[in-house]
All heavy atoms as atom14 arrays in JSON, in Angstrom:
{
  "sequence": "VGIGVLAALQDPRKEVMNIRNLFPDKIALRLDESEQVDMVLGDG",
  "atom14_mask": [
    [1, 1, 1, 1, 1, 1, 1, 0, 0, 0, 0, 0, 0, 0],
    [1, 1, 1, 1, 0, 0, 0, 0, 0, 0, 0, 0, 0, 0],
    [1, 1, 1, 1, 1, 1, 1, 1, 0, 0, 0, 0, 0, 0],
    [1, 1, 1, 1, 0, 0, 0, 0, 0, 0, 0, 0, 0, 0],
    [1, 1, 1, 1, 1, 1, 1, 0, 0, 0, 0, 0, 0, 0],
    [1, 1, 1, 1, 1, 1, 1, 1, 0, 0, 0, 0, 0, 0],
    [1, 1, 1, 1, 1, 0, 0, 0, 0, 0, 0, 0, 0, 0],
    [1, 1, 1, 1, 1, 0, 0, 0, 0, 0, 0, 0, 0, 0],
    [1, 1, 1, 1, 1, 1, 1, 1, 0, 0, 0, 0, 0, 0],
    [1, 1, 1, 1, 1, 1, 1, 1, 1, 0, 0, 0, 0, 0],
    [1, 1, 1, 1, 1, 1, 1, 1, 0, 0, 0, 0, 0, 0],
    [1, 1, 1, 1, 1, 1, 1, 0, 0, 0, 0, 0, 0, 0],
    [1, 1, 1, 1, 1, 1, 1, 1, 1, 1, 1, 0, 0, 0],
    [1, 1, 1, 1, 1, 1, 1, 1, 1, 0, 0, 0, 0, 0],
    [1, 1, 1, 1, 1, 1, 1, 1, 1, 0, 0, 0, 0, 0],
    [1, 1, 1, 1, 1, 1, 1, 0, 0, 0, 0, 0, 0, 0],
    [1, 1, 1, 1, 1, 1, 1, 1, 0, 0, 0, 0, 0, 0],
    [1, 1, 1, 1, 1, 1, 1, 1, 0, 0, 0, 0, 0, 0],
    [1, 1, 1, 1, 1, 1, 1, 1, 0, 0, 0, 0, 0, 0],
    [1, 1, 1, 1, 1, 1, 1, 1, 1, 1, 1, 0, 0, 0],
    [1, 1, 1, 1, 1, 1, 1, 1, 0, 0, 0, 0, 0, 0],
    [1, 1, 1, 1, 1, 1, 1, 1, 0, 0, 0, 0, 0, 0],
    [1, 1, 1, 1, 1, 1, 1, 1, 1, 1, 1, 0, 0, 0],
    [1, 1, 1, 1, 1, 1, 1, 0, 0, 0, 0, 0, 0, 0],
    [1, 1, 1, 1, 1, 1, 1, 1, 0, 0, 0, 0, 0, 0],
    [1, 1, 1, 1, 1, 1, 1, 1, 1, 0, 0, 0, 0, 0],
    [1, 1, 1, 1, 1, 1, 1, 1, 0, 0, 0, 0, 0, 0],
    [1, 1, 1, 1, 1, 0, 0, 0, 0, 0, 0, 0, 0, 0],
    [1, 1, 1, 1, 1, 1, 1, 1, 0, 0, 0, 0, 0, 0],
    [1, 1, 1, 1, 1, 1, 1, 1, 1, 1, 1, 0, 0, 0],
    [1, 1, 1, 1, 1, 1, 1, 1, 0, 0, 0, 0, 0, 0],
    [1, 1, 1, 1, 1, 1, 1, 1, 0, 0, 0, 0, 0, 0],
    [1, 1, 1, 1, 1, 1, 1, 1, 1, 0, 0, 0, 0, 0],
    [1, 1, 1, 1, 1, 1, 0, 0, 0, 0, 0, 0, 0, 0],
    [1, 1, 1, 1, 1, 1, 1, 1, 1, 0, 0, 0, 0, 0],
    [1, 1, 1, 1, 1, 1, 1, 1, 1, 0, 0, 0, 0, 0],
    [1, 1, 1, 1, 1, 1, 1, 0, 0, 0, 0, 0, 0, 0],
    [1, 1, 1, 1, 1, 1, 1, 1, 0, 0, 0, 0, 0, 0],
    [1, 1, 1, 1, 1, 1, 1, 1, 0, 0, 0, 0, 0, 0],
    [1, 1, 1, 1, 1, 1, 1, 0, 0, 0, 0, 0, 0, 0],
    [1, 1, 1, 1, 1, 1, 1, 1, 0, 0, 0, 0, 0, 0],
    [1, 1, 1, 1, 0, 0, 0, 0, 0, 0, 0, 0, 0, 0],
    [1, 1, 1, 1, 1, 1, 1, 1, 0, 0, 0, 0, 0, 0],
    [1, 1, 1, 1, 0, 0, 0, 0, 0, 0, 0, 0, 0, 0]
  ],
  "atom14_positions": [
    [[15.44, -40.87, -26.69], [14.41, -39.98, -26.15], [13.86, -40.49, -24.83], [12.81, -40.04, -24.36], [13.27, -39.75, -27.17], [13.79, -39.01, -28.39], [12.62, -41.07, -27.57], [0.0, 0.0, 0.0], [0.0, 0.0, 0.0], [0.0, 0.0, 0.0], [0.0, 0.0, 0.0], [0.0, 0.0, 0.0], [0.0, 0.0, 0.0], [0.0, 0.0, 0.0]],
    [[14.56, -41.45, -24.22], [14.19, -41.88, -22.88], [13.1, -42.93, -22.8], [12.3, -42.92, -21.86], [0.0, 0.0, 0.0], [0.0, 0.0, 0.0], [0.0, 0.0, 0.0], [0.0, 0.0, 0.0], [0.0, 0.0, 0.0], [0.0, 0.0, 0.0], [0.0, 0.0, 0.0], [0.0, 0.0, 0.0], [0.0, 0.0, 0.0], [0.0, 0.0, 0.0]],
    [[13.06, -43.83, -23.76], [12.1, -44.93, -23.72], [12.85, -46.24, -23.94], [13.52, -46.43, -24.96], [11.01, -44.76, -24.79], [10.23, -43.47, -24.54], [10.06, -45.96, -24.8], [9.17, -43.16, -25.57], [0.0, 0.0, 0.0], [0.0, 0.0, 0.0], [0.0, 0.0, 0.0], [0.0, 0.0, 0.0], [0.0, 0.0, 0.0], [0.0, 0.0, 0.0]],
    [[12.76, -47.13, -22.96], [13.43, -48.42, -23.03], [12.43, -49.55, -23.0], [11.28, -49.38, -22.61], [0.0, 0.0, 0.0], [0.0, 0.0, 0.0], [0.0, 0.0, 0.0], [0.0, 0.0, 0.0], [0.0, 0.0, 0.0], [0.0, 0.0, 0.0], [0.0, 0.0, 0.0], [0.0, 0.0, 0.0], [0.0, 0.0, 0.0], [0.0, 0.0, 0.0]],
    [[12.89, -50.73, -23.41], [12.04, -51.92, -23.42], [12.76, -53.04, -22.68], [13.93, -53.33, -22.96], [11.71, -52.38, -24.86], [10.84, -53.63, -24.83], [11.03, -51.27, -25.65], [0.0, 0.0, 0.0], [0.0, 0.0, 0.0], [0.0, 0.0, 0.0], [0.0, 0.0, 0.0], [0.0, 0.0, 0.0], [0.0, 0.0, 0.0], [0.0, 0.0, 0.0]],
    [[12.05, -53.66, -21.75], [12.53, -54.85, -21.04], [11.59, -55.99, -21.41], [10.4, -55.94, -21.08], [12.53, -54.63, -19.53], [12.79, -55.85, -18.65], [14.2, -56.38, -18.88], [12.58, -55.51, -17.18], [0.0, 0.0, 0.0], [0.0, 0.0, 0.0], [0.0, 0.0, 0.0], [0.0, 0.0, 0.0], [0.0, 0.0, 0.0], [0.0, 0.0, 0.0]],
    [[12.1, -56.98, -22.13], [11.27, -58.08, -22.59], [11.78, -59.4, -22.04], [13.0, -59.64, -21.99], [11.23, -58.13, -24.12], [0.0, 0.0, 0.0], [0.0, 0.0, 0.0], [0.0, 0.0, 0.0], [0.0, 0.0, 0.0], [0.0, 0.0, 0.0], [0.0, 0.0, 0.0], [0.0, 0.0, 0.0], [0.0, 0.0, 0.0], [0.0, 0.0, 0.0]],
    [[10.85, -60.27, -21.61], [11.21, -61.57, -21.06], [10.57, -62.67, -21.9], [9.45, -62.53, -22.39], [10.74, -61.67, -19.61], [0.0, 0.0, 0.0], [0.0, 0.0, 0.0], [0.0, 0.0, 0.0], [0.0, 0.0, 0.0], [0.0, 0.0, 0.0], [0.0, 0.0, 0.0], [0.0, 0.0, 0.0], [0.0, 0.0, 0.0], [0.0, 0.0, 0.0]],
    [[11.31, -63.77, -22.06], [10.75, -64.93, -22.74], [11.44, -66.18, -22.25], [12.51, -66.12, -21.62], [10.89, -64.81, -24.25], [12.25, -65.05, -24.91], [12.07, -65.29, -26.41], [13.19, -63.86, -24.71], [0.0, 0.0, 0.0], [0.0, 0.0, 0.0], [0.0, 0.0, 0.0], [0.0, 0.0, 0.0], [0.0, 0.0, 0.0], [0.0, 0.0, 0.0]],
    [[10.82, -67.34, -22.5], [11.36, -68.6, -22.02], [12.13, -69.36, -23.09], [13.01, -70.15, -22.77], [10.21, -69.47, -21.5], [9.48, -68.87, -20.31], [8.37, -69.77, -19.8], [8.48, -70.99, -19.83], [7.3, -69.17, -19.33], [0.0, 0.0, 0.0], [0.0, 0.0, 0.0], [0.0, 0.0, 0.0], [0.0, 0.0, 0.0], [0.0, 0.0, 0.0]],
    [[11.8, -69.15, -24.35], [12.43, -69.89, -25.44], [13.33, -68.94, -26.23], [12.85, -68.01, -26.86], [11.34, -70.46, -26.35], [11.91, -71.41, -27.41], [13.12, -71.37, -27.66], [11.12, -72.19, -27.98], [0.0, 0.0, 0.0], [0.0, 0.0, 0.0], [0.0, 0.0, 0.0], [0.0, 0.0, 0.0], [0.0, 0.0, 0.0], [0.0, 0.0, 0.0]],
    [[14.66, -69.15, -26.17], [15.58, -68.18, -26.79], [15.83, -68.4, -28.28], [16.64, -67.69, -28.86], [16.87, -68.41, -26.0], [16.84, -69.88, -25.69], [15.38, -70.2, -25.45], [0.0, 0.0, 0.0], [0.0, 0.0, 0.0], [0.0, 0.0, 0.0], [0.0, 0.0, 0.0], [0.0, 0.0, 0.0], [0.0, 0.0, 0.0], [0.0, 0.0, 0.0]],
    [[15.16, -69.35, -28.91], [15.44, -69.6, -30.32], [15.14, -68.38, -31.19], [14.22, -67.64, -30.91], [14.62, -70.79, -30.82], [15.07, -72.14, -30.25], [14.12, -73.23, -30.69], [12.76, -72.96, -30.2], [11.68, -73.53, -30.71], [11.78, -74.37, -31.73], [10.48, -73.26, -30.21], [0.0, 0.0, 0.0], [0.0, 0.0, 0.0], [0.0, 0.0, 0.0]],
    [[15.9, -68.22, -32.26], [15.78, -67.06, -33.14], [14.4, -66.95, -33.76], [13.84, -65.86, -33.9], [16.84, -67.16, -34.25], [16.9, -65.95, -35.16], [17.57, -64.78, -34.49], [17.82, -63.65, -35.47], [18.49, -62.5, -34.86], [0.0, 0.0, 0.0], [0.0, 0.0, 0.0], [0.0, 0.0, 0.0], [0.0, 0.0, 0.0], [0.0, 0.0, 0.0]],
    [[13.81, -68.09, -34.12], [12.5, -68.05, -34.77], [11.4, -67.62, -33.81], [10.31, -67.23, -34.23], [12.15, -69.41, -35.39], [12.17, -70.58, -34.42], [13.51, -71.29, -34.38], [14.54, -70.63, -34.62], [13.53, -72.5, -34.12], [0.0, 0.0, 0.0], [0.0, 0.0, 0.0], [0.0, 0.0, 0.0], [0.0, 0.0, 0.0], [0.0, 0.0, 0.0]],
    [[11.68, -67.71, -32.51], [10.71, -67.28, -31.51], [10.85, -65.78, -31.24], [9.87, -65.06, -31.05], [10.88, -68.08, -30.2], [9.98, -67.53, -29.1], [10.55, -69.55, -30.44], [0.0, 0.0, 0.0], [0.0, 0.0, 0.0], [0.0, 0.0, 0.0], [0.0, 0.0, 0.0], [0.0, 0.0, 0.0], [0.0, 0.0, 0.0], [0.0, 0.0, 0.0]],
    [[12.07, -65.29, -31.25], [12.33, -63.87, -30.97], [13.28, -63.34, -32.04], [14.49, -63.25, -31.84], [12.93, -63.73, -29.57], [13.14, -62.29, -29.13], [11.59, -61.36, -29.07], [12.16, -59.87, -28.28], [0.0, 0.0, 0.0], [0.0, 0.0, 0.0], [0.0, 0.0, 0.0], [0.0, 0.0, 0.0], [0.0, 0.0, 0.0], [0.0, 0.0, 0.0]],
    [[12.73, -62.99, -33.2], [13.6, -62.62, -34.31], [14.16, -61.21, -34.21], [14.93, -60.8, -35.07], [12.87, -62.82, -35.65], [11.61, -61.98, -35.77], [11.35, -61.12, -34.92], [10.83, -62.23, -36.79], [0.0, 0.0, 0.0], [0.0, 0.0, 0.0], [0.0, 0.0, 0.0], [0.0, 0.0, 0.0], [0.0, 0.0, 0.0], [0.0, 0.0, 0.0]],
    [[13.76, -60.45, -33.16], [14.34, -59.12, -33.0], [15.21, -59.05, -31.74], [15.49, -57.97, -31.24], [13.24, -58.03, -32.93], [12.3, -58.26, -31.73], [12.48, -57.93, -34.22], [11.38, -57.09, -31.46], [0.0, 0.0, 0.0], [0.0, 0.0, 0.0], [0.0, 0.0, 0.0], [0.0, 0.0, 0.0], [0.0, 0.0, 0.0], [0.0, 0.0, 0.0]],
    [[15.64, -60.2, -31.26], [16.4, -60.2, -30.0], [17.7, -59.43, -30.1], [18.21, -58.9, -29.11], [16.65, -61.63, -29.53], [17.62, -62.41, -30.38], [17.77, -63.83, -29.87], [18.75, -64.57, -30.65], [18.81, -65.88, -30.7], [17.95, -66.6, -30.02], [19.72, -66.49, -31.42], [0.0, 0.0, 0.0], [0.0, 0.0, 0.0], [0.0, 0.0, 0.0]],
    [[18.29, -59.33, -31.31], [19.54, -58.58, -31.46], [19.34, -57.08, -31.29], [20.32, -56.33, -31.22], [20.18, -58.88, -32.82], [20.75, -60.28, -32.89], [21.05, -60.88, -31.87], [20.91, -60.8, -34.09], [0.0, 0.0, 0.0], [0.0, 0.0, 0.0], [0.0, 0.0, 0.0], [0.0, 0.0, 0.0], [0.0, 0.0, 0.0], [0.0, 0.0, 0.0]],
    [[18.09, -56.64, -31.24], [17.83, -55.22, -31.03], [17.86, -54.85, -29.55], [17.74, -53.68, -29.2], [16.46, -54.84, -31.63], [16.33, -55.05, -33.14], [14.94, -54.63, -33.61], [17.4, -54.29, -33.89], [0.0, 0.0, 0.0], [0.0, 0.0, 0.0], [0.0, 0.0, 0.0], [0.0, 0.0, 0.0], [0.0, 0.0, 0.0], [0.0, 0.0, 0.0]],
    [[18.04, -55.85, -28.69], [18.16, -55.61, -27.24], [19.64, -55.65, -26.89], [20.25, -56.72, -26.87], [17.39, -56.67, -26.45], [15.89, -56.56, -26.61], [15.25, -57.14, -27.69], [15.14, -55.89, -25.66], [13.87, -57.03, -27.84], [13.76, -55.78, -25.8], [13.13, -56.35, -26.89], [0.0, 0.0, 0.0], [0.0, 0.0, 0.0], [0.0, 0.0, 0.0]],
    [[20.27, -54.5, -26.62], [21.72, -54.47, -26.43], [22.2, -55.12, -25.13], [23.29, -55.67, -25.09], [22.04, -52.97, -26.44], [20.77, -52.31, -26.02], [19.67, -53.16, -26.58], [0.0, 0.0, 0.0], [0.0, 0.0, 0.0], [0.0, 0.0, 0.0], [0.0, 0.0, 0.0], [0.0, 0.0, 0.0], [0.0, 0.0, 0.0], [0.0, 0.0, 0.0]],
    [[21.4, -55.05, -24.08], [21.76, -55.66, -22.8], [20.92, -56.92, -22.61], [19.71, -56.9, -22.83], [21.51, -54.69, -21.64], [22.34, -53.43, -21.76], [23.47, -53.51, -22.28], [21.85, -52.36, -21.35], [0.0, 0.0, 0.0], [0.0, 0.0, 0.0], [0.0, 0.0, 0.0], [0.0, 0.0, 0.0], [0.0, 0.0, 0.0], [0.0, 0.0, 0.0]],
    [[21.56, -58.0, -22.21], [20.87, -59.28, -22.15], [21.09, -59.96, -20.79], [22.16, -59.83, -20.18], [21.36, -60.19, -23.27], [21.11, -59.6, -24.67], [21.73, -60.46, -25.75], [21.4, -59.94, -27.14], [21.98, -58.61, -27.41], [0.0, 0.0, 0.0], [0.0, 0.0, 0.0], [0.0, 0.0, 0.0], [0.0, 0.0, 0.0], [0.0, 0.0, 0.0]],
    [[20.07, -60.69, -20.35], [20.13, -61.43, -19.09], [19.71, -62.86, -19.35], [18.68, -63.1, -19.99], [19.19, -60.81, -18.03], [19.53, -59.35, -17.8], [19.26, -61.6, -16.72], [18.51, -58.62, -16.93], [0.0, 0.0, 0.0], [0.0, 0.0, 0.0], [0.0, 0.0, 0.0], [0.0, 0.0, 0.0], [0.0, 0.0, 0.0], [0.0, 0.0, 0.0]],
    [[20.49, -63.81, -18.87], [20.14, -65.22, -18.98], [19.97, -65.8, -17.58], [20.9, -65.75, -16.77], [21.22, -65.99, -19.74], [0.0, 0.0, 0.0], [0.0, 0.0, 0.0], [0.0, 0.0, 0.0], [0.0, 0.0, 0.0], [0.0, 0.0, 0.0], [0.0, 0.0, 0.0], [0.0, 0.0, 0.0], [0.0, 0.0, 0.0], [0.0, 0.0, 0.0]],
    [[18.8, -66.36, -17.32], [18.59, -67.11, -16.09], [18.91, -68.58, -16.4], [19.67, -68.86, -17.31], [17.17, -66.89, -15.58], [16.81, -65.42, -15.29], [15.37, -65.31, -14.8], [17.76, -64.8, -14.29], [0.0, 0.0, 0.0], [0.0, 0.0, 0.0], [0.0, 0.0, 0.0], [0.0, 0.0, 0.0], [0.0, 0.0, 0.0], [0.0, 0.0, 0.0]],
    [[18.34, -69.51, -15.67], [18.68, -70.91, -15.9], [18.2, -71.37, -17.28], [17.05, -71.16, -17.65], [18.04, -71.79, -14.82], [18.45, -73.26, -14.92], [17.93, -74.05, -13.74], [16.48, -74.09, -13.71], [15.73, -74.98, -14.37], [16.32, -75.9, -15.12], [14.42, -74.94, -14.27], [0.0, 0.0, 0.0], [0.0, 0.0, 0.0], [0.0, 0.0, 0.0]],
    [[19.12, -71.98, -18.02], [18.81, -72.5, -19.35], [19.02, -74.01, -19.37], [19.78, -74.56, -18.57], [19.7, -71.83, -20.4], [19.5, -70.32, -20.56], [20.59, -69.72, -21.43], [18.12, -70.02, -21.14], [0.0, 0.0, 0.0], [0.0, 0.0, 0.0], [0.0, 0.0, 0.0], [0.0, 0.0, 0.0], [0.0, 0.0, 0.0], [0.0, 0.0, 0.0]],
    [[18.36, -74.66, -20.32], [18.4, -76.12, -20.38], [19.63, -76.67, -21.08], [20.13, -77.74, -20.73], [17.15, -76.66, -21.09], [15.87, -76.37, -20.32], [15.94, -76.35, -19.07], [14.83, -76.18, -20.96], [0.0, 0.0, 0.0], [0.0, 0.0, 0.0], [0.0, 0.0, 0.0], [0.0, 0.0, 0.0], [0.0, 0.0, 0.0], [0.0, 0.0, 0.0]],
    [[20.13, -75.95, -22.08], [21.22, -76.47, -22.91], [22.33, -75.44, -23.04], [22.08, -74.24, -23.03], [20.69, -76.84, -24.3], [19.56, -77.85, -24.28], [18.91, -78.0, -25.64], [19.38, -77.33, -26.58], [17.95, -78.79, -25.76], [0.0, 0.0, 0.0], [0.0, 0.0, 0.0], [0.0, 0.0, 0.0], [0.0, 0.0, 0.0], [0.0, 0.0, 0.0]],
    [[23.54, -75.95, -23.2], [24.7, -75.05, -23.31], [24.59, -74.15, -24.54], [25.01, -72.99, -24.52], [25.99, -75.88, -23.37], [25.99, -76.77, -24.47], [0.0, 0.0, 0.0], [0.0, 0.0, 0.0], [0.0, 0.0, 0.0], [0.0, 0.0, 0.0], [0.0, 0.0, 0.0], [0.0, 0.0, 0.0], [0.0, 0.0, 0.0], [0.0, 0.0, 0.0]],
    [[24.0, -74.68, -25.64], [23.89, -73.87, -26.86], [22.99, -72.66, -26.65], [23.14, -71.64, -27.33], [23.32, -74.72, -28.0], [24.24, -75.85, -28.47], [24.14, -77.08, -27.59], [23.3, -77.09, -26.65], [24.91, -78.03, -27.82], [0.0, 0.0, 0.0], [0.0, 0.0, 0.0], [0.0, 0.0, 0.0], [0.0, 0.0, 0.0], [0.0, 0.0, 0.0]],
    [[22.06, -72.75, -25.71], [21.13, -71.65, -25.48], [21.82, -70.44, -24.87], [21.33, -69.31, -25.0], [19.99, -72.11, -24.59], [19.08, -73.14, -25.24], [17.98, -73.6, -24.3], [18.09, -73.48, -23.07], [16.91, -74.14, -24.86], [0.0, 0.0, 0.0], [0.0, 0.0, 0.0], [0.0, 0.0, 0.0], [0.0, 0.0, 0.0], [0.0, 0.0, 0.0]],
    [[22.93, -70.65, -24.2], [23.64, -69.54, -23.55], [24.06, -68.51, -24.59], [23.82, -67.31, -24.44], [24.86, -70.04, -22.75], [25.62, -68.86, -22.15], [24.42, -71.01, -21.67], [0.0, 0.0, 0.0], [0.0, 0.0, 0.0], [0.0, 0.0, 0.0], [0.0, 0.0, 0.0], [0.0, 0.0, 0.0], [0.0, 0.0, 0.0], [0.0, 0.0, 0.0]],
    [[24.69, -68.97, -25.68], [25.12, -68.05, -26.73], [23.93, -67.47, -27.48], [24.0, -66.36, -28.01], [26.07, -68.74, -27.7], [27.46, -68.94, -27.1], [27.66, -68.55, -25.92], [28.35, -69.48, -27.8], [0.0, 0.0, 0.0], [0.0, 0.0, 0.0], [0.0, 0.0, 0.0], [0.0, 0.0, 0.0], [0.0, 0.0, 0.0], [0.0, 0.0, 0.0]],
    [[22.82, -68.22, -27.55], [21.62, -67.68, -28.19], [21.13, -66.44, -27.45], [20.71, -65.46, -28.07], [20.49, -68.73, -28.17], [20.67, -69.9, -29.1], [19.23, -70.99, -28.99], [19.83, -72.42, -29.86], [0.0, 0.0, 0.0], [0.0, 0.0, 0.0], [0.0, 0.0, 0.0], [0.0, 0.0, 0.0], [0.0, 0.0, 0.0], [0.0, 0.0, 0.0]],
    [[21.2, -66.49, -26.13], [20.7, -65.39, -25.33], [21.73, -64.27, -25.19], [21.43, -63.1, -25.4], [20.27, -65.88, -23.93], [19.83, -64.7, -23.05], [19.14, -66.9, -24.04], [0.0, 0.0, 0.0], [0.0, 0.0, 0.0], [0.0, 0.0, 0.0], [0.0, 0.0, 0.0], [0.0, 0.0, 0.0], [0.0, 0.0, 0.0], [0.0, 0.0, 0.0]],
    [[22.94, -64.63, -24.81], [23.94, -63.64, -24.45], [24.89, -63.26, -25.58], [25.66, -62.31, -25.45], [24.76, -64.14, -23.25], [23.98, -64.39, -21.96], [24.9, -64.94, -20.88], [23.29, -63.12, -21.49], [0.0, 0.0, 0.0], [0.0, 0.0, 0.0], [0.0, 0.0, 0.0], [0.0, 0.0, 0.0], [0.0, 0.0, 0.0], [0.0, 0.0, 0.0]],
    [[24.84, -63.99, -26.68], [25.72, -63.67, -27.8], [26.85, -64.68, -27.93], [27.2, -65.39, -26.98], [0.0, 0.0, 0.0], [0.0, 0.0, 0.0], [0.0, 0.0, 0.0], [0.0, 0.0, 0.0], [0.0, 0.0, 0.0], [0.0, 0.0, 0.0], [0.0, 0.0, 0.0], [0.0, 0.0, 0.0], [0.0, 0.0, 0.0], [0.0, 0.0, 0.0]],
    [[27.43, -64.73, -29.12], [28.49, -65.7, -29.41], [29.64, -65.57, -28.43], [30.12, -64.47, -28.14], [29.01, -65.49, -30.84], [27.98, -65.87, -31.88], [27.01, -66.58, -31.54], [28.14, -65.45, -33.05], [0.0, 0.0, 0.0], [0.0, 0.0, 0.0], [0.0, 0.0, 0.0], [0.0, 0.0, 0.0], [0.0, 0.0, 0.0], [0.0, 0.0, 0.0]],
    [[30.07, -66.73, -27.94], [31.23, -66.76, -27.06], [30.94, -66.49, -25.6], [31.86, -66.54, -24.78], [0.0, 0.0, 0.0], [0.0, 0.0, 0.0], [0.0, 0.0, 0.0], [0.0, 0.0, 0.0], [0.0, 0.0, 0.0], [0.0, 0.0, 0.0], [0.0, 0.0, 0.0], [0.0, 0.0, 0.0], [0.0, 0.0, 0.0], [0.0, 0.0, 0.0]]
  ]
}
């Protein structure tokens, strides 16, 4: 119905953002650890 959400956060851990999988498009800026990349952008 034409309503979108753009949400930003600094900590990508699941316990911090437990609904992150509801955001289909994802953007990762500079991250501290390699494991965080898949947390933000998805496995692989």
